[in-house]
Each structure stands twice: as C-alpha cells, then as structure tokens.
Amino acid sequence: MPLPRPALAALLALAACTQVPELGDVVPPDLRAADYPALIPLDTELTAPADPAAEAERLSGALNARADRLKRRARELSARTVVDDTARARMDAGVTE
C-alpha cells in the first residue's frame, strides 16, 4: 500500500532536518592550507604498458618483496611478549568481584 501524499511530504520534510556535519570540522588545519595535488593527464596513465611482461615482472617483484617484509614483521610481532607475567597471573585467576 503506497504512502499517502501528506505522509510522504512529512517524511521528506523530516529527512531535510538531518544535521549534516560540516566538512571544515573534519579536515585538519594542515590539510586545509595544503596545495591541491598535481594533476596528471589520464591518456598516458590509462594506456596499456609498452611491455606487459616486464611490467608484470616488476609488479610481481614489488609484491613479493612487500609480502616478505610483512611476513618478517609478523614473525617479529609474534615473538614479542604482549602480556607480562603479573598480568597473565591476574587473568588466569579470573574475575573475583
């Protein structure tokens, strides 16, 4: 059953009362004063690479290097102690209150 016109008008009027946050409140002052980014022509950026195999090899090497760095970082983080012995004993004892 469709909404009657007065109810639809009331819903639209109510939606217009929504408080939308100002963009100026969200953007930090250093970004507000920053220059616009440099624009680049899209026709050169959207074309296929001259040598797709070489481009694929370059991207593959970059992705593999990034994966290796992330795996190394994960191993380093896994080796760290997050919870010290005192906190671990308190957690093992459980909530007593």
N, C-alpha and C. Protein backbone atom coordinates (compact mmCIF):
# COMPACT_ATOMS: atom_id res chain seq x y z
N MET A 1 0.85 -1.17 0.00
CA MET A 1 0.00 0.00 0.00
C MET A 1 0.90 1.24 0.00
N PRO A 2 0.79 2.10 -1.00
CA PRO A 2 1.63 3.29 -1.07
C PRO A 2 1.27 4.30 0.01
N LEU A 3 2.27 5.08 0.40
CA LEU A 3 2.05 6.12 1.41
C LEU A 3 1.20 7.25 0.84
N PRO A 4 0.29 7.79 1.64
CA PRO A 4 -0.46 8.96 1.18
C PRO A 4 0.49 10.14 1.00
N ARG A 5 0.12 11.06 0.14
CA ARG A 5 0.98 12.20 -0.17
C ARG A 5 1.34 13.03 1.06
N PRO A 6 0.42 13.32 1.97
CA PRO A 6 0.83 14.11 3.15
C PRO A 6 1.88 13.38 4.01
N ALA A 7 1.75 12.06 4.13
CA ALA A 7 2.73 11.30 4.91
C ALA A 7 4.09 11.32 4.22
N LEU A 8 4.09 11.20 2.89
CA LEU A 8 5.34 11.25 2.14
C LEU A 8 5.98 12.63 2.26
N ALA A 9 5.17 13.68 2.19
CA ALA A 9 5.69 15.04 2.34
C ALA A 9 6.27 15.24 3.74
N ALA A 10 5.61 14.69 4.76
CA ALA A 10 6.11 14.81 6.13
C ALA A 10 7.43 14.07 6.29
N LEU A 11 7.56 12.90 5.70
CA LEU A 11 8.81 12.15 5.78
C LEU A 11 9.95 12.90 5.08
N LEU A 12 9.66 13.48 3.92
CA LEU A 12 10.69 14.25 3.22
C LEU A 12 11.10 15.48 4.01
N ALA A 13 10.14 16.16 4.63
CA ALA A 13 10.46 17.33 5.44
C ALA A 13 11.29 16.93 6.65
N LEU A 14 10.95 15.79 7.25
CA LEU A 14 11.70 15.31 8.40
C LEU A 14 13.14 14.94 8.00
N ALA A 15 13.30 14.34 6.84
CA ALA A 15 14.64 13.99 6.36
C ALA A 15 15.48 15.24 6.10
N ALA A 16 14.84 16.33 5.72
CA ALA A 16 15.57 17.57 5.46
C ALA A 16 16.10 18.19 6.75
N CYS A 17 15.61 17.77 7.89
CA CYS A 17 16.05 18.32 9.17
C CYS A 17 17.30 17.64 9.70
N THR A 18 17.84 16.69 8.98
CA THR A 18 19.02 15.96 9.42
C THR A 18 20.21 16.89 9.58
N GLN A 19 20.95 16.72 10.68
CA GLN A 19 22.14 17.51 10.92
C GLN A 19 23.31 16.87 10.18
N VAL A 20 23.84 17.54 9.20
CA VAL A 20 24.99 17.05 8.43
C VAL A 20 26.23 17.75 8.97
N PRO A 21 27.26 16.99 9.37
CA PRO A 21 28.47 17.64 9.90
C PRO A 21 29.16 18.48 8.82
N GLU A 22 29.70 19.59 9.24
CA GLU A 22 30.42 20.46 8.32
C GLU A 22 31.76 19.82 7.96
N LEU A 23 32.15 19.95 6.73
CA LEU A 23 33.42 19.38 6.27
C LEU A 23 34.59 20.06 6.94
N GLY A 24 34.46 21.34 7.25
CA GLY A 24 35.54 22.09 7.89
C GLY A 24 35.89 21.54 9.26
N ASP A 25 34.94 20.88 9.93
CA ASP A 25 35.20 20.32 11.24
C ASP A 25 36.02 19.03 11.15
N VAL A 26 36.03 18.41 9.98
CA VAL A 26 36.68 17.12 9.81
C VAL A 26 38.10 17.26 9.27
N VAL A 27 38.34 18.25 8.45
CA VAL A 27 39.64 18.42 7.79
C VAL A 27 40.60 19.11 8.74
N PRO A 28 41.77 18.51 9.02
CA PRO A 28 42.75 19.14 9.91
C PRO A 28 43.31 20.43 9.29
N PRO A 29 43.77 21.36 10.14
CA PRO A 29 44.24 22.65 9.63
C PRO A 29 45.39 22.55 8.63
N ASP A 30 46.31 21.58 8.81
CA ASP A 30 47.42 21.48 7.87
C ASP A 30 46.96 21.06 6.48
N LEU A 31 45.88 20.25 6.41
CA LEU A 31 45.35 19.88 5.10
C LEU A 31 44.53 21.01 4.49
N ARG A 32 43.89 21.81 5.34
CA ARG A 32 43.11 22.93 4.85
C ARG A 32 44.00 23.93 4.12
N ALA A 33 45.24 24.08 4.58
CA ALA A 33 46.16 25.05 3.98
C ALA A 33 47.03 24.42 2.89
N ALA A 34 46.90 23.13 2.66
CA ALA A 34 47.77 22.44 1.69
C ALA A 34 47.38 22.80 0.25
N ASP A 35 48.35 22.68 -0.64
CA ASP A 35 48.10 22.91 -2.06
C ASP A 35 47.31 21.74 -2.64
N TYR A 36 46.63 21.99 -3.74
CA TYR A 36 45.94 20.92 -4.44
C TYR A 36 46.97 19.96 -5.03
N PRO A 37 46.64 18.69 -5.15
CA PRO A 37 47.61 17.75 -5.74
C PRO A 37 47.82 18.06 -7.22
N ALA A 38 48.97 17.68 -7.71
CA ALA A 38 49.27 17.90 -9.13
C ALA A 38 48.41 16.96 -9.97
N LEU A 39 47.84 17.50 -11.02
CA LEU A 39 47.01 16.70 -11.93
C LEU A 39 47.89 16.10 -13.02
N ILE A 40 47.57 14.87 -13.39
CA ILE A 40 48.32 14.21 -14.45
C ILE A 40 47.36 13.89 -15.59
N PRO A 41 47.84 13.88 -16.82
CA PRO A 41 46.95 13.55 -17.94
C PRO A 41 46.58 12.06 -17.88
N LEU A 42 45.30 11.78 -18.02
CA LEU A 42 44.84 10.40 -17.92
C LEU A 42 45.16 9.57 -19.15
N ASP A 43 45.30 10.20 -20.30
CA ASP A 43 45.53 9.41 -21.50
C ASP A 43 46.84 8.63 -21.43
N THR A 44 47.85 9.17 -20.74
CA THR A 44 49.11 8.43 -20.62
C THR A 44 49.05 7.41 -19.49
N GLU A 45 48.22 7.64 -18.49
CA GLU A 45 48.16 6.74 -17.34
C GLU A 45 47.22 5.56 -17.57
N LEU A 46 46.26 5.71 -18.47
CA LEU A 46 45.27 4.65 -18.68
C LEU A 46 45.61 3.73 -19.85
N THR A 47 46.72 3.96 -20.49
CA THR A 47 47.11 3.10 -21.60
C THR A 47 47.79 1.84 -21.08
N ALA A 48 47.80 0.83 -21.92
CA ALA A 48 48.48 -0.43 -21.55
C ALA A 48 49.99 -0.19 -21.53
N PRO A 49 50.71 -0.88 -20.66
CA PRO A 49 52.17 -0.72 -20.63
C PRO A 49 52.79 -1.18 -21.95
N ALA A 50 53.94 -0.59 -22.27
CA ALA A 50 54.63 -0.94 -23.53
C ALA A 50 55.02 -2.41 -23.55
N ASP A 51 55.50 -2.92 -22.42
CA ASP A 51 55.92 -4.32 -22.32
C ASP A 51 55.18 -4.95 -21.14
N PRO A 52 54.00 -5.55 -21.38
CA PRO A 52 53.21 -6.09 -20.28
C PRO A 52 53.95 -7.15 -19.46
N ALA A 53 54.78 -7.95 -20.10
CA ALA A 53 55.51 -8.99 -19.36
C ALA A 53 56.50 -8.37 -18.38
N ALA A 54 57.21 -7.33 -18.82
CA ALA A 54 58.17 -6.66 -17.94
C ALA A 54 57.44 -5.95 -16.80
N GLU A 55 56.30 -5.34 -17.13
CA GLU A 55 55.51 -4.66 -16.09
C GLU A 55 54.99 -5.67 -15.07
N ALA A 56 54.53 -6.83 -15.54
CA ALA A 56 54.06 -7.87 -14.64
C ALA A 56 55.19 -8.38 -13.75
N GLU A 57 56.37 -8.53 -14.33
CA GLU A 57 57.54 -8.99 -13.56
C GLU A 57 57.91 -7.96 -12.49
N ARG A 58 57.87 -6.67 -12.86
CA ARG A 58 58.20 -5.61 -11.91
C ARG A 58 57.19 -5.60 -10.77
N LEU A 59 55.89 -5.68 -11.11
CA LEU A 59 54.87 -5.68 -10.07
C LEU A 59 54.97 -6.92 -9.19
N SER A 60 55.26 -8.06 -9.81
CA SER A 60 55.40 -9.30 -9.05
C SER A 60 56.55 -9.20 -8.06
N GLY A 61 57.67 -8.65 -8.51
CA GLY A 61 58.81 -8.47 -7.62
C GLY A 61 58.49 -7.54 -6.46
N ALA A 62 57.78 -6.44 -6.76
CA ALA A 62 57.42 -5.49 -5.70
C ALA A 62 56.46 -6.13 -4.70
N LEU A 63 55.49 -6.90 -5.20
CA LEU A 63 54.54 -7.56 -4.29
C LEU A 63 55.21 -8.64 -3.46
N ASN A 64 56.11 -9.40 -4.06
CA ASN A 64 56.83 -10.43 -3.30
C ASN A 64 57.71 -9.81 -2.22
N ALA A 65 58.36 -8.69 -2.55
CA ALA A 65 59.19 -8.02 -1.55
C ALA A 65 58.33 -7.50 -0.41
N ARG A 66 57.16 -6.96 -0.73
CA ARG A 66 56.26 -6.47 0.32
C ARG A 66 55.76 -7.62 1.18
N ALA A 67 55.42 -8.74 0.55
CA ALA A 67 54.96 -9.91 1.30
C ALA A 67 56.05 -10.40 2.24
N ASP A 68 57.29 -10.42 1.77
CA ASP A 68 58.41 -10.84 2.63
C ASP A 68 58.57 -9.90 3.82
N ARG A 69 58.46 -8.59 3.58
CA ARG A 69 58.57 -7.62 4.68
C ARG A 69 57.44 -7.82 5.69
N LEU A 70 56.23 -8.05 5.20
CA LEU A 70 55.10 -8.25 6.11
C LEU A 70 55.24 -9.54 6.91
N LYS A 71 55.73 -10.60 6.28
CA LYS A 71 55.93 -11.86 6.99
C LYS A 71 57.00 -11.71 8.07
N ARG A 72 58.09 -10.98 7.73
CA ARG A 72 59.15 -10.74 8.71
C ARG A 72 58.60 -9.93 9.89
N ARG A 73 57.80 -8.93 9.58
CA ARG A 73 57.21 -8.11 10.66
C ARG A 73 56.27 -8.95 11.52
N ALA A 74 55.50 -9.83 10.89
CA ALA A 74 54.59 -10.70 11.64
C ALA A 74 55.37 -11.62 12.57
N ARG A 75 56.50 -12.17 12.09
CA ARG A 75 57.33 -13.02 12.96
C ARG A 75 57.87 -12.22 14.13
N GLU A 76 58.32 -10.98 13.88
CA GLU A 76 58.84 -10.14 14.96
C GLU A 76 57.75 -9.83 15.99
N LEU A 77 56.55 -9.52 15.50
CA LEU A 77 55.46 -9.21 16.43
C LEU A 77 55.03 -10.45 17.21
N SER A 78 55.07 -11.62 16.57
CA SER A 78 54.68 -12.86 17.26
C SER A 78 55.67 -13.21 18.36
N ALA A 79 56.92 -12.81 18.19
CA ALA A 79 57.95 -13.14 19.19
C ALA A 79 57.87 -12.24 20.42
N ARG A 80 57.18 -11.11 20.31
CA ARG A 80 57.09 -10.19 21.44
C ARG A 80 56.13 -10.71 22.51
N THR A 81 56.41 -10.34 23.75
CA THR A 81 55.52 -10.65 24.86
C THR A 81 54.54 -9.50 25.01
N VAL A 82 53.28 -9.79 24.86
CA VAL A 82 52.26 -8.75 24.93
C VAL A 82 51.80 -8.57 26.37
N VAL A 83 51.61 -9.68 27.05
CA VAL A 83 51.11 -9.65 28.43
C VAL A 83 52.23 -10.12 29.34
N ASP A 84 52.59 -9.28 30.33
CA ASP A 84 53.66 -9.67 31.25
C ASP A 84 53.15 -10.73 32.23
N ASP A 85 54.07 -11.31 33.01
CA ASP A 85 53.72 -12.42 33.90
C ASP A 85 52.70 -12.02 34.96
N THR A 86 52.81 -10.79 35.50
CA THR A 86 51.87 -10.33 36.53
C THR A 86 50.46 -10.24 35.96
N ALA A 87 50.34 -9.65 34.80
CA ALA A 87 49.02 -9.53 34.18
C ALA A 87 48.48 -10.90 33.81
N ARG A 88 49.35 -11.79 33.33
CA ARG A 88 48.91 -13.14 32.97
C ARG A 88 48.37 -13.87 34.20
N ALA A 89 49.03 -13.73 35.37
CA ALA A 89 48.56 -14.37 36.59
C ALA A 89 47.20 -13.82 37.00
N ARG A 90 47.02 -12.51 36.87
CA ARG A 90 45.72 -11.91 37.20
C ARG A 90 44.64 -12.42 36.26
N MET A 91 44.96 -12.55 34.98
CA MET A 91 43.97 -13.04 34.02
C MET A 91 43.64 -14.50 34.29
N ASP A 92 44.67 -15.29 34.64
CA ASP A 92 44.43 -16.70 34.93
C ASP A 92 43.58 -16.88 36.18
N ALA A 93 43.74 -15.96 37.14
CA ALA A 93 42.95 -16.05 38.37
C ALA A 93 41.48 -15.75 38.11
N GLY A 94 41.19 -14.98 37.08
CA GLY A 94 39.81 -14.69 36.73
C GLY A 94 39.26 -13.52 37.51
N VAL A 95 38.02 -13.20 37.20
CA VAL A 95 37.34 -12.09 37.87
C VAL A 95 36.84 -12.58 39.21
N THR A 96 37.18 -11.84 40.27
CA THR A 96 36.78 -12.28 41.61
C THR A 96 35.71 -11.39 42.21
N GLU A 97 35.35 -10.32 41.56
CA GLU A 97 34.34 -9.41 42.14
C GLU A 97 32.95 -9.81 41.76
